[in-house]
Each structure stands twice: as structure tokens, then as C-alpha cells.
PDB file of N, CA and C in Angstrom:
ATOM      1  N   MET A   1     -11.683 -33.804  16.986  1.00  0.00           N
ATOM      2  CA  MET A   1     -10.465 -33.528  17.178  1.00  0.00           C
ATOM      3  C   MET A   1     -10.539 -32.306  16.295  1.00  0.00           C
ATOM      4  N   ASN A   2      -9.769 -31.113  17.035  1.00  0.00           N
ATOM      5  CA  ASN A   2      -9.194 -29.845  16.293  1.00  0.00           C
ATOM      6  C   ASN A   2      -8.127 -29.523  16.185  1.00  0.00           C
ATOM      7  N   ILE A   3      -7.609 -29.465  14.415  1.00  0.00           N
ATOM      8  CA  ILE A   3      -6.114 -29.553  14.212  1.00  0.00           C
ATOM      9  C   ILE A   3      -5.823 -28.496  13.174  1.00  0.00           C
ATOM     10  N   THR A   4      -5.215 -27.640  13.947  1.00  0.00           N
ATOM     11  CA  THR A   4      -5.157 -26.584  12.456  1.00  0.00           C
ATOM     12  C   THR A   4      -3.396 -26.288  12.187  1.00  0.00           C
ATOM     13  N   ALA A   5      -3.544 -26.837  11.038  1.00  0.00           N
ATOM     14  CA  ALA A   5      -2.491 -26.815  10.074  1.00  0.00           C
ATOM     15  C   ALA A   5      -1.861 -25.777   9.722  1.00  0.00           C
ATOM     16  N   VAL A   6      -0.487 -25.357   9.778  1.00  0.00           N
ATOM     17  CA  VAL A   6       0.348 -24.167   9.523  1.00  0.00           C
ATOM     18  C   VAL A   6       1.201 -24.622   8.194  1.00  0.00           C
ATOM     19  N   ILE A   7       0.532 -24.158   7.438  1.00  0.00           N
ATOM     20  CA  ILE A   7       1.535 -24.119   6.149  1.00  0.00           C
ATOM     21  C   ILE A   7       2.858 -23.380   5.903  1.00  0.00           C
ATOM     22  N   GLU A   8       4.130 -23.696   6.099  1.00  0.00           N
ATOM     23  CA  GLU A   8       5.171 -22.257   6.183  1.00  0.00           C
ATOM     24  C   GLU A   8       5.146 -22.229   4.357  1.00  0.00           C
ATOM     25  N   PRO A   9       5.537 -21.186   4.035  1.00  0.00           N
ATOM     26  CA  PRO A   9       5.832 -21.095   2.451  1.00  0.00           C
ATOM     27  C   PRO A   9       6.871 -21.705   1.925  1.00  0.00           C
ATOM     28  N   LYS A  10       7.184 -22.066   0.844  1.00  0.00           N
ATOM     29  CA  LYS A  10       8.267 -22.865   0.276  1.00  0.00           C
ATOM     30  C   LYS A  10       9.471 -21.440   0.114  1.00  0.00           C
ATOM     31  N   GLU A  11      10.607 -21.776  -0.169  1.00  0.00           N
ATOM     32  CA  GLU A  11      11.581 -20.800  -0.121  1.00  0.00           C
ATOM     33  C   GLU A  11      11.214 -19.897  -1.463  1.00  0.00           C
ATOM     34  N   SER A  12      11.026 -20.689  -2.735  1.00  0.00           N
ATOM     35  CA  SER A  12      10.827 -19.907  -3.463  1.00  0.00           C
ATOM     36  C   SER A  12       9.859 -18.798  -3.288  1.00  0.00           C
ATOM     37  N   GLN A  13       8.827 -19.260  -2.869  1.00  0.00           N
ATOM     38  CA  GLN A  13       7.386 -18.291  -2.348  1.00  0.00           C
ATOM     39  C   GLN A  13       8.000 -17.064  -1.674  1.00  0.00           C
ATOM     40  N   ILE A  14       9.063 -17.272  -0.902  1.00  0.00           N
ATOM     41  CA  ILE A  14       9.370 -16.281   0.173  1.00  0.00           C
ATOM     42  C   ILE A  14      10.342 -15.013  -1.191  1.00  0.00           C
ATOM     43  N   GLN A  15      11.280 -16.022  -1.596  1.00  0.00           N
ATOM     44  CA  GLN A  15      12.200 -15.482  -2.763  1.00  0.00           C
ATOM     45  C   GLN A  15      11.151 -14.523  -3.720  1.00  0.00           C
ATOM     46  N   LYS A  16      10.405 -15.049  -4.234  1.00  0.00           N
ATOM     47  CA  LYS A  16       9.149 -14.011  -4.886  1.00  0.00           C
ATOM     48  C   LYS A  16       8.294 -12.412  -4.242  1.00  0.00           C
ATOM     49  N   GLN A  17       8.015 -13.224  -3.182  1.00  0.00           N
ATOM     50  CA  GLN A  17       7.900 -11.812  -2.328  1.00  0.00           C
ATOM     51  C   GLN A  17       9.211 -11.034  -2.055  1.00  0.00           C
ATOM     52  N   ILE A  18       9.954 -11.151  -1.698  1.00  0.00           N
ATOM     53  CA  ILE A  18      11.345 -10.107  -1.428  1.00  0.00           C
ATOM     54  C   ILE A  18      11.582  -9.566  -3.037  1.00  0.00           C
ATOM     55  N   VAL A  19      11.616 -10.086  -4.016  1.00  0.00           N
ATOM     56  CA  VAL A  19      12.097  -9.766  -5.028  1.00  0.00           C
ATOM     57  C   VAL A  19      11.214  -8.756  -5.372  1.00  0.00           C
ATOM     58  N   GLY A  20      10.057  -8.880  -5.382  1.00  0.00           N
ATOM     59  CA  GLY A  20       8.715  -8.077  -5.933  1.00  0.00           C
ATOM     60  C   GLY A  20       8.973  -6.741  -4.818  1.00  0.00           C
ATOM     61  N   TYR A  21       9.140  -7.021  -3.618  1.00  0.00           N
ATOM     62  CA  TYR A  21       9.098  -5.881  -2.510  1.00  0.00           C
ATOM     63  C   TYR A  21      10.336  -5.268  -2.485  1.00  0.00           C
ATOM     64  N   LEU A  22      11.718  -5.453  -3.316  1.00  0.00           N
ATOM     65  CA  LEU A  22      12.920  -4.426  -3.397  1.00  0.00           C
ATOM     66  C   LEU A  22      12.680  -3.893  -4.722  1.00  0.00           C
ATOM     67  N   GLU A  23      12.065  -4.691  -5.740  1.00  0.00           N
ATOM     68  CA  GLU A  23      12.168  -4.142  -7.066  1.00  0.00           C
ATOM     69  C   GLU A  23      10.819  -2.747  -6.769  1.00  0.00           C
ATOM     70  N   LEU A  24       9.866  -2.724  -5.905  1.00  0.00           N
ATOM     71  CA  LEU A  24       8.857  -1.850  -5.888  1.00  0.00           C
ATOM     72  C   LEU A  24       9.434  -0.629  -5.435  1.00  0.00           C
ATOM     73  N   LYS A  25      10.842  -1.097  -4.430  1.00  0.00           N
ATOM     74  CA  LYS A  25      11.537   0.192  -3.653  1.00  0.00           C
ATOM     75  C   LYS A  25      12.284   0.925  -5.085  1.00  0.00           C
ATOM     76  N   GLY A  26      12.521   0.043  -6.389  1.00  0.00           N
ATOM     77  CA  GLY A  26      13.518   0.528  -6.818  1.00  0.00           C
ATOM     78  C   GLY A  26      14.651   0.080  -6.909  1.00  0.00           C
ATOM     79  N   TYR A  27      15.220  -0.572  -6.488  1.00  0.00           N
ATOM     80  CA  TYR A  27      16.175  -1.191  -6.278  1.00  0.00           C
ATOM     81  C   TYR A  27      16.167  -2.469  -7.735  1.00  0.00           C
ATOM     82  N   GLU A  28      17.626  -2.683  -8.004  1.00  0.00           N
ATOM     83  CA  GLU A  28      17.796  -3.780  -9.348  1.00  0.00           C
ATOM     84  C   GLU A  28      18.215  -5.238  -8.362  1.00  0.00           C
ATOM     85  N   VAL A  29      17.555  -5.810  -8.942  1.00  0.00           N
ATOM     86  CA  VAL A  29      17.620  -7.253  -7.976  1.00  0.00           C
ATOM     87  C   VAL A  29      18.132  -8.287  -9.128  1.00  0.00           C
ATOM     88  N   ILE A  30      19.370  -9.208  -8.412  1.00  0.00           N
ATOM     89  CA  ILE A  30      20.305  -9.762  -9.400  1.00  0.00           C
ATOM     90  C   ILE A  30      19.687 -11.294  -8.859  1.00  0.00           C
ATOM     91  N   ARG A  31      19.600 -12.248  -9.605  1.00  0.00           N
ATOM     92  CA  ARG A  31      19.545 -13.707  -8.608  1.00  0.00           C
ATOM     93  C   ARG A  31      20.564 -14.309  -9.385  1.00  0.00           C
ATOM     94  N   HIS A  32      21.523 -14.892  -7.891  1.00  0.00           N
ATOM     95  CA  HIS A  32      22.632 -15.621  -8.329  1.00  0.00           C
ATOM     96  C   HIS A  32      21.967 -17.186  -8.356  1.00  0.00           C
ATOM     97  N   ASN A  33      22.180 -17.700  -9.265  1.00  0.00           N
ATOM     98  CA  ASN A  33      22.454 -19.348  -9.469  1.00  0.00           C
ATOM     99  C   ASN A  33      23.302 -20.045  -9.411  1.00  0.00           C
ATOM    100  N   ALA A  34      23.245 -20.275  -8.036  1.00  0.00           N
ATOM    101  CA  ALA A  34      24.821 -20.709  -7.013  1.00  0.00           C
ATOM    102  C   ALA A  34      24.371 -22.120  -6.478  1.00  0.00           C
ATOM    103  N   GLY A  35      23.377 -22.255  -6.406  1.00  0.00           N
ATOM    104  CA  GLY A  35      22.498 -23.590  -5.342  1.00  0.00           C
ATOM    105  C   GLY A  35      22.358 -24.651  -6.193  1.00  0.00           C
ATOM    106  N   LYS A  36      21.533 -25.638  -6.333  1.00  0.00           N
ATOM    107  CA  LYS A  36      21.133 -26.439  -6.855  1.00  0.00           C
ATOM    108  C   LYS A  36      21.085 -26.455  -8.076  1.00  0.00           C
ATOM    109  N   VAL A  37      21.901 -25.968  -9.020  1.00  0.00           N
ATOM    110  CA  VAL A  37      21.581 -25.602 -10.495  1.00  0.00           C
ATOM    111  C   VAL A  37      21.562 -26.862 -11.623  1.00  0.00           C
ATOM    112  N   LYS A  38      21.037 -26.891 -12.225  1.00  0.00           N
ATOM    113  CA  LYS A  38      21.106 -28.132 -13.162  1.00  0.00           C
ATOM    114  C   LYS A  38      22.239 -27.806 -14.510  1.00  0.00           C
ATOM    115  N   TYR A  39      22.600 -26.693 -14.689  1.00  0.00           N
ATOM    116  CA  TYR A  39      23.463 -26.275 -15.657  1.00  0.00           C
ATOM    117  C   TYR A  39      24.556 -25.734 -15.075  1.00  0.00           C
ATOM    118  N   ASN A  40      25.713 -25.509 -15.952  1.00  0.00           N
ATOM    119  CA  ASN A  40      26.766 -24.847 -15.205  1.00  0.00           C
ATOM    120  C   ASN A  40      26.751 -23.427 -15.586  1.00  0.00           C
ATOM    121  N   VAL A  41      26.309 -22.568 -14.720  1.00  0.00           N
ATOM    122  CA  VAL A  41      26.619 -21.287 -14.796  1.00  0.00           C
ATOM    123  C   VAL A  41      27.876 -20.375 -14.702  1.00  0.00           C
ATOM    124  N   THR A  42      28.334 -19.815 -15.577  1.00  0.00           N
ATOM    125  CA  THR A  42      29.542 -19.186 -15.623  1.00  0.00           C
ATOM    126  C   THR A  42      29.474 -18.169 -14.476  1.00  0.00           C
ATOM    127  N   GLY A  43      30.399 -17.812 -13.622  1.00  0.00           N
ATOM    128  CA  GLY A  43      30.427 -17.054 -12.323  1.00  0.00           C
ATOM    129  C   GLY A  43      29.820 -17.162 -11.352  1.00  0.00           C
ATOM    130  N   ALA A  44      28.971 -18.220 -11.324  1.00  0.00           N
ATOM    131  CA  ALA A  44      28.287 -18.610 -10.181  1.00  0.00           C
ATOM    132  C   ALA A  44      29.046 -19.576  -8.923  1.00  0.00           C
ATOM    133  N   LYS A  45      29.260 -19.078  -7.861  1.00  0.00           N
ATOM    134  CA  LYS A  45      30.189 -19.731  -6.929  1.00  0.00           C
ATOM    135  C   LYS A  45      29.082 -20.391  -5.810  1.00  0.00           C
ATOM    136  N   LYS A  46      29.939 -21.262  -5.445  1.00  0.00           N
ATOM    137  CA  LYS A  46      29.048 -21.762  -4.531  1.00  0.00           C
ATOM    138  C   LYS A  46      28.665 -20.998  -3.090  1.00  0.00           C
ATOM    139  N   GLY A  47      27.907 -20.937  -2.652  1.00  0.00           N
ATOM    140  CA  GLY A  47      27.664 -20.344  -1.243  1.00  0.00           C
ATOM    141  C   GLY A  47      27.086 -18.814  -1.724  1.00  0.00           C
ATOM    142  N   MET A  48      27.169 -18.393  -2.313  1.00  0.00           N
ATOM    143  CA  MET A  48      26.889 -17.101  -3.311  1.00  0.00           C
ATOM    144  C   MET A  48      25.434 -17.477  -2.572  1.00  0.00           C
ATOM    145  N   PRO A  49      24.723 -15.796  -1.886  1.00  0.00           N
ATOM    146  CA  PRO A  49      23.693 -15.533  -1.520  1.00  0.00           C
ATOM    147  C   PRO A  49      22.543 -15.333  -3.132  1.00  0.00           C
ATOM    148  N   ASP A  50      21.547 -15.832  -2.745  1.00  0.00           N
ATOM    149  CA  ASP A  50      20.446 -16.119  -3.634  1.00  0.00           C
ATOM    150  C   ASP A  50      20.194 -14.930  -4.389  1.00  0.00           C
ATOM    151  N   LEU A  51      20.353 -13.740  -3.530  1.00  0.00           N
ATOM    152  CA  LEU A  51      19.638 -12.361  -4.281  1.00  0.00           C
ATOM    153  C   LEU A  51      20.620 -11.449  -3.613  1.00  0.00           C
ATOM    154  N   GLU A  52      21.139 -10.309  -4.736  1.00  0.00           N
ATOM    155  CA  GLU A  52      21.741  -9.265  -4.598  1.00  0.00           C
ATOM    156  C   GLU A  52      20.908  -8.050  -4.971  1.00  0.00           C
ATOM    157  N   ALA A  53      20.838  -6.919  -4.167  1.00  0.00           N
ATOM    158  CA  ALA A  53      20.052  -5.908  -4.373  1.00  0.00           C
ATOM    159  C   ALA A  53      21.251  -4.554  -4.455  1.00  0.00           C
ATOM    160  N   LEU A  54      20.929  -4.049  -5.647  1.00  0.00           N
ATOM    161  CA  LEU A  54      21.401  -2.964  -6.136  1.00  0.00           C
ATOM    162  C   LEU A  54      20.741  -1.814  -5.183  1.00  0.00           C
ATOM    163  N   ILE A  55      21.386  -1.025  -4.585  1.00  0.00           N
ATOM    164  CA  ILE A  55      20.348   0.063  -3.557  1.00  0.00           C
ATOM    165  C   ILE A  55      20.669   1.199  -4.127  1.00  0.00           C
ATOM    166  N   GLY A  56      21.835   1.482  -4.750  1.00  0.00           N
ATOM    167  CA  GLY A  56      22.312   2.602  -5.480  1.00  0.00           C
ATOM    168  C   GLY A  56      23.712   3.157  -4.300  1.00  0.00           C
ATOM    169  N   GLY A  57      24.298   4.057  -5.322  1.00  0.00           N
ATOM    170  CA  GLY A  57      25.252   4.918  -4.335  1.00  0.00           C
ATOM    171  C   GLY A  57      26.847   3.683  -4.352  1.00  0.00           C
ATOM    172  N   GLY A  58      26.163   2.679  -5.067  1.00  0.00           N
ATOM    173  CA  GLY A  58      27.297   2.019  -5.296  1.00  0.00           C
ATOM    174  C   GLY A  58      27.386   0.609  -4.258  1.00  0.00           C
ATOM    175  N   ILE A  59      25.974   0.585  -3.454  1.00  0.00           N
ATOM    176  CA  ILE A  59      26.192  -0.146  -2.341  1.00  0.00           C
ATOM    177  C   ILE A  59      25.163  -1.240  -3.210  1.00  0.00           C
ATOM    178  N   SER A  60      25.318  -2.613  -2.385  1.00  0.00           N
ATOM    179  CA  SER A  60      24.517  -3.886  -3.014  1.00  0.00           C
ATOM    180  C   SER A  60      24.685  -4.521  -1.514  1.00  0.00           C
ATOM    181  N   VAL A  61      23.547  -4.668  -1.303  1.00  0.00           N
ATOM    182  CA  VAL A  61      22.724  -5.932  -0.242  1.00  0.00           C
ATOM    183  C   VAL A  61      22.667  -7.299  -0.558  1.00  0.00           C
ATOM    184  N   PHE A  62      23.639  -8.276   0.032  1.00  0.00           N
ATOM    185  CA  PHE A  62      23.325  -9.671  -0.712  1.00  0.00           C
ATOM    186  C   PHE A  62      22.296 -10.259   0.296  1.00  0.00           C
ATOM    187  N   VAL A  63      21.270 -11.131   0.009  1.00  0.00           N
ATOM    188  CA  VAL A  63      20.310 -12.135   0.351  1.00  0.00           C
ATOM    189  C   VAL A  63      20.329 -13.424   0.285  1.00  0.00           C
ATOM    190  N   GLU A  64      20.092 -14.060   1.605  1.00  0.00           N
ATOM    191  CA  GLU A  64      20.405 -15.467   1.691  1.00  0.00           C
ATOM    192  C   GLU A  64      18.586 -15.821   2.055  1.00  0.00           C
ATOM    193  N   VAL A  65      17.950 -16.498   1.095  1.00  0.00           N
ATOM    194  CA  VAL A  65      16.669 -16.571   1.395  1.00  0.00           C
ATOM    195  C   VAL A  65      16.479 -17.990   2.078  1.00  0.00           C
ATOM    196  N   LYS A  66      16.181 -18.319   2.976  1.00  0.00           N
ATOM    197  CA  LYS A  66      15.763 -19.385   3.958  1.00  0.00           C
ATOM    198  C   LYS A  66      14.216 -19.768   4.012  1.00  0.00           C
ATOM    199  N   THR A  67      13.734 -20.892   4.245  1.00  0.00           N
ATOM    200  CA  THR A  67      12.469 -21.075   4.916  1.00  0.00           C
ATOM    201  C   THR A  67      12.511 -21.286   6.629  1.00  0.00           C
ATOM    202  N   LYS A  68      11.584 -21.112   7.294  1.00  0.00           N
ATOM    203  CA  LYS A  68      11.385 -20.874   8.635  1.00  0.00           C
ATOM    204  C   LYS A  68      12.770 -21.596   9.427  1.00  0.00           C
ATOM    205  N   LYS A  69      13.022 -23.479   8.652  1.00  0.00           N
ATOM    206  CA  LYS A  69      13.618 -24.183   9.387  1.00  0.00           C
ATOM    207  C   LYS A  69      15.129 -24.534   8.575  1.00  0.00           C
ATOM    208  N   GLY A  70      15.449 -23.466   7.497  1.00  0.00           N
ATOM    209  CA  GLY A  70      16.150 -23.801   6.666  1.00  0.00           C
ATOM    210  C   GLY A  70      17.595 -23.725   7.445  1.00  0.00           C
ATOM    211  N   LYS A  71      18.757 -24.392   6.765  1.00  0.00           N
ATOM    212  CA  LYS A  71      19.848 -24.089   7.556  1.00  0.00           C
ATOM    213  C   LYS A  71      20.907 -23.686   6.121  1.00  0.00           C
ATOM    214  N   LEU A  72      21.780 -22.753   6.880  1.00  0.00           N
ATOM    215  CA  LEU A  72      22.676 -22.502   5.687  1.00  0.00           C
ATOM    216  C   LEU A  72      23.922 -23.327   5.761  1.00  0.00           C
ATOM    217  N   SER A  73      23.700 -23.710   4.694  1.00  0.00           N
ATOM    218  CA  SER A  73      25.657 -24.648   4.230  1.00  0.00           C
ATOM    219  C   SER A  73      26.669 -23.891   4.658  1.00  0.00           C
ATOM    220  N   GLU A  74      27.725 -24.928   4.732  1.00  0.00           N
ATOM    221  CA  GLU A  74      29.052 -24.515   4.949  1.00  0.00           C
ATOM    222  C   GLU A  74      29.444 -23.237   3.972  1.00  0.00           C
ATOM    223  N   ASP A  75      29.510 -23.617   2.889  1.00  0.00           N
ATOM    224  CA  ASP A  75      30.040 -22.905   1.541  1.00  0.00           C
ATOM    225  C   ASP A  75      29.300 -21.851   1.686  1.00  0.00           C
ATOM    226  N   GLN A  76      27.959 -21.612   2.343  1.00  0.00           N
ATOM    227  CA  GLN A  76      27.135 -20.288   2.294  1.00  0.00           C
ATOM    228  C   GLN A  76      27.214 -19.497   3.695  1.00  0.00           C
ATOM    229  N   LYS A  77      28.066 -19.955   5.133  1.00  0.00           N
ATOM    230  CA  LYS A  77      28.414 -19.314   5.731  1.00  0.00           C
ATOM    231  C   LYS A  77      29.848 -19.025   5.348  1.00  0.00           C
ATOM    232  N   LYS A  78      30.959 -19.599   4.812  1.00  0.00           N
ATOM    233  CA  LYS A  78      32.060 -18.900   4.387  1.00  0.00           C
ATOM    234  C   LYS A  78      31.833 -18.170   3.159  1.00  0.00           C
ATOM    235  N   MET A  79      31.031 -17.873   2.203  1.00  0.00           N
ATOM    236  CA  MET A  79      30.465 -16.625   1.361  1.00  0.00           C
ATOM    237  C   MET A  79      30.115 -15.736   1.886  1.00  0.00           C
ATOM    238  N   GLN A  80      29.304 -16.012   3.010  1.00  0.00           N
ATOM    239  CA  GLN A  80      28.884 -14.982   4.042  1.00  0.00           C
ATOM    240  C   GLN A  80      29.879 -13.956   4.822  1.00  0.00           C
ATOM    241  N   LYS A  81      30.707 -14.683   5.258  1.00  0.00           N
ATOM    242  CA  LYS A  81      31.651 -14.053   6.075  1.00  0.00           C
ATOM    243  C   LYS A  81      32.955 -13.217   4.883  1.00  0.00           C
ATOM    244  N   ARG A  82      33.238 -13.872   3.713  1.00  0.00           N
ATOM    245  CA  ARG A  82      33.923 -13.294   2.937  1.00  0.00           C
ATOM    246  C   ARG A  82      33.153 -11.716   2.631  1.00  0.00           C
ATOM    247  N   LEU A  83      31.795 -11.902   2.467  1.00  0.00           N
ATOM    248  CA  LEU A  83      31.225 -10.863   1.783  1.00  0.00           C
ATOM    249  C   LEU A  83      31.422  -9.746   2.937  1.00  0.00           C
ATOM    250  N   ARG A  84      30.766 -10.212   3.925  1.00  0.00           N
ATOM    251  CA  ARG A  84      31.004  -8.704   4.975  1.00  0.00           C
ATOM    252  C   ARG A  84      32.254  -8.427   5.362  1.00  0.00           C
ATOM    253  N   ASP A  85      33.206  -9.373   5.390  1.00  0.00           N
ATOM    254  CA  ASP A  85      34.621  -8.472   5.427  1.00  0.00           C
ATOM    255  C   ASP A  85      34.906  -8.044   4.368  1.00  0.00           C
ATOM    256  N   LEU A  86      34.212  -7.930   3.178  1.00  0.00           N
ATOM    257  CA  LEU A  86      34.808  -7.150   2.134  1.00  0.00           C
ATOM    258  C   LEU A  86      34.041  -5.493   2.587  1.00  0.00           C
ATOM    259  N   GLY A  87      32.702  -5.683   3.041  1.00  0.00           N
ATOM    260  CA  GLY A  87      32.044  -4.226   3.761  1.00  0.00           C
ATOM    261  C   GLY A  87      30.408  -4.943   3.134  1.00  0.00           C
ATOM    262  N   HIS A  88      30.455  -5.873   2.632  1.00  0.00           N
ATOM    263  CA  HIS A  88      28.818  -5.977   2.028  1.00  0.00           C
ATOM    264  C   HIS A  88      27.728  -6.088   3.508  1.00  0.00           C
ATOM    265  N   LYS A  89      26.657  -5.688   3.218  1.00  0.00           N
ATOM    266  CA  LYS A  89      25.809  -6.044   3.956  1.00  0.00           C
ATOM    267  C   LYS A  89      25.192  -7.552   3.474  1.00  0.00           C
ATOM    268  N   VAL A  90      25.184  -8.558   4.430  1.00  0.00           N
ATOM    269  CA  VAL A  90      24.493  -9.999   4.072  1.00  0.00           C
ATOM    270  C   VAL A  90      23.050  -9.925   5.344  1.00  0.00           C
ATOM    271  N   ILE A  91      22.002 -10.259   4.303  1.00  0.00           N
ATOM    272  CA  ILE A  91      20.846 -10.958   5.238  1.00  0.00           C
ATOM    273  C   ILE A  91      20.677 -12.096   5.129  1.00  0.00           C
ATOM    274  N   VAL A  92      20.002 -13.006   6.266  1.00  0.00           N
ATOM    275  CA  VAL A  92      19.822 -14.279   6.069  1.00  0.00           C
ATOM    276  C   VAL A  92      18.394 -13.524   5.843  1.00  0.00           C
ATOM    277  N   ALA A  93      17.429 -14.193   5.070  1.00  0.00           N
ATOM    278  CA  ALA A  93      15.586 -13.495   5.095  1.00  0.00           C
ATOM    279  C   ALA A  93      14.939 -14.863   5.218  1.00  0.00           C
ATOM    280  N   ARG A  94      14.305 -14.917   6.350  1.00  0.00           N
ATOM    281  CA  ARG A  94      13.017 -16.103   6.442  1.00  0.00           C
ATOM    282  C   ARG A  94      11.851 -15.783   6.275  1.00  0.00           C
ATOM    283  N   LYS A  95      11.126 -14.346   6.198  1.00  0.00           N
ATOM    284  CA  LYS A  95      10.306 -14.060   5.706  1.00  0.00           C
ATOM    285  C   LYS A  95      10.565 -12.512   4.847  1.00  0.00           C
ATOM    286  N   LEU A  96       9.459 -12.043   4.465  1.00  0.00           N
ATOM    287  CA  LEU A  96       9.463 -10.593   3.558  1.00  0.00           C
ATOM    288  C   LEU A  96       9.742  -9.399   4.973  1.00  0.00           C
ATOM    289  N   GLU A  97       9.566  -9.998   6.044  1.00  0.00           N
ATOM    290  CA  GLU A  97       9.839  -8.749   6.917  1.00  0.00           C
ATOM    291  C   GLU A  97      11.137  -8.533   7.318  1.00  0.00           C
ATOM    292  N   ASP A  98      12.044  -9.187   6.774  1.00  0.00           N
ATOM    293  CA  ASP A  98      13.436  -9.661   6.977  1.00  0.00           C
ATOM    294  C   ASP A  98      14.487  -8.547   6.677  1.00  0.00           C
ATOM    295  N   VAL A  99      13.608  -8.172   5.265  1.00  0.00           N
ATOM    296  CA  VAL A  99      14.197  -7.093   4.383  1.00  0.00           C
ATOM    297  C   VAL A  99      13.960  -5.781   4.288  1.00  0.00           C
ATOM    298  N   ARG A 100      12.739  -5.750   5.193  1.00  0.00           N
ATOM    299  CA  ARG A 100      12.236  -4.010   5.435  1.00  0.00           C
ATOM    300  C   ARG A 100      12.987  -3.203   5.206  1.00  0.00           C
ATOM    301  N   ASN A 101      13.884  -3.056   6.414  1.00  0.00           N
ATOM    302  CA  ASN A 101      14.982  -2.167   6.606  1.00  0.00           C
ATOM    303  C   ASN A 101      16.287  -1.829   5.726  1.00  0.00           C
ATOM    304  N   ILE A 102      16.385  -2.315   4.569  1.00  0.00           N
ATOM    305  CA  ILE A 102      16.826  -2.223   3.313  1.00  0.00           C
ATOM    306  C   ILE A 102      16.916  -0.638   2.638  1.00  0.00           C
TER     307      ILE A 102
END
């Protein structure tokens, strides 16, 4: 029997790759602790994307990191709509390549 197992990266692994890449491009990257947080973090709002990249010229790009099978929560969908309504770019990244065009 020939079984080929494909191991999908964890969300934390994808996020680490994305942060490293964006920092190499010279962007400031902020990690928002809005998800399953053990402590009450002042300013963190439900649904806030995982990362915010400050790319210069007063522009921020928000990145929600998900695994290949990960789904957005209702809070995340609402927050993404709110951020887009405010004129921000929001990306759902499932792999490093999803942020290459920032």
C-alpha cells in the first residue's frame, strides 16, 4: 500500500512565514490579539484580523491568517466588512503567496 500523507501547516506556522516576509519588505507588522486570548487585552476587538502591516504613506493592510480549511467566524466577516468600508485592504491568507502582492 502506497500512502502519501500531506501535512498541512498550522495557522501559527503560516503566520510566522507571513510576518517574516512582510518584515523583510521593510513593513512594520502588528499582531492583534483578538482571537482565543487567555487574557483581556485592552483594545483588542472580536473579529480583528490577525495582522496589520503598516506599508508606508499612511496605508495599512490587514491580514487574517487561516489554514487551507479554516473558516472565518461571523465576527471576522463583520470586522472585515467594516475595515473595507473604511477603505482598508483586507486579505485572507492561507499561504505565504497570498501576501506577495502587498
